[in-house]
Amino acid sequence: MIGESPGRVTDADRAAYVRDGVVCLRGVLSRETARDPLALWDEVAEDLEGHGLVHTAKERKRAMPGAFAIKHPSRIVPAFKPFMTESPIARLVGEILGADSVGFYWDQVFVKEPGSTGRTPWHNDAAGHPLHGEQIVGVWIALTEASPANGLECIAGSYRNRELYWPATAYSDLNPIPEGRRGCPDFEARRGDPDVTFLGWDMAPGDALFIHPRTLHFSRGNTTAARRVAYATWWHGDDVTWAHRPECETGPPGVDFAAMPRGARPDAPHFPILWRRGA
């Protein structure tokens, strides 16, 4: 097992997830263990194309100076795989959800260099997922120190709003927003609004946010003197089925999301179950 397996998820953790649509768990990876994916990332980042990875700017129109995201590292660089298969993340997702099984769906590395002006706009992940269900969880693991000055902020309880905002994906960039849909509002205009609760965290390497797919989140640039690197993984639980839409994210290499049978469960080998209750 990678790292020091943290204790069981508490009732307070589950209550926070239900209340806010996000909960921060400390020490999901030990500080020492968090150095390993960071060192691996530093090695891979020296030659992204040589490792088969694609820089965000090559698939999207919008540029985020000093910030970028790299998709599917564990599917393309085998050395990343143990951080899914051997870490406690799948178990923790299962305990938060009360799920009987949890499978792996997606992973991505997010980087913001010092002085980055690359602001990640307010959005939620559900808009880009080709999936339907409540038991989808994104796990955003800090590999470096993070804070509201360079990390994620979320809006408490926003997952209860079921509006499907137009996402920011490679496919959505190619098409105008259709009638009846809109992009996510810019909640920066509501700072100070007593009806909106902004959540932010000071995070050490190895701390993780567990985020409901409809929870609105955002990241400013990086005003600190140190880079911010996070490794995000997404997981599917018991009620999750395929529900592809044209604007959704593209699949990883060798997987066509549009070809997935609507209403079917994600399944092996591409979306393997990595934790089962009682196993």
Foldseek 3Di string as FASTA:
>chain_A
DAADQDDADDPVQLVQCVFFQKGKDAQLHPLVRLVVVVVVCVVCVVPVVVQVWDWPVVLAVDDFFQKTKIWDCCVRPVVCVCCPQVGCVQVNLCRSVVFQFKWFDIKMKIKFFAPTQRKFFKDFQVLADQKDDFSKKKKKFWSAWDKLLFDKKWWGPQLVDPARAHDRESQSNVDDDDPPHHHDDGCVVVVVPPVIDIDMDGGHGNMIMIGTRRIIMIGGHHNDNGMIMIMMTMMGGDQMFGRGDRRHYAGDPPDGSVPGDGPHDDDPDNIHTNDGPPD
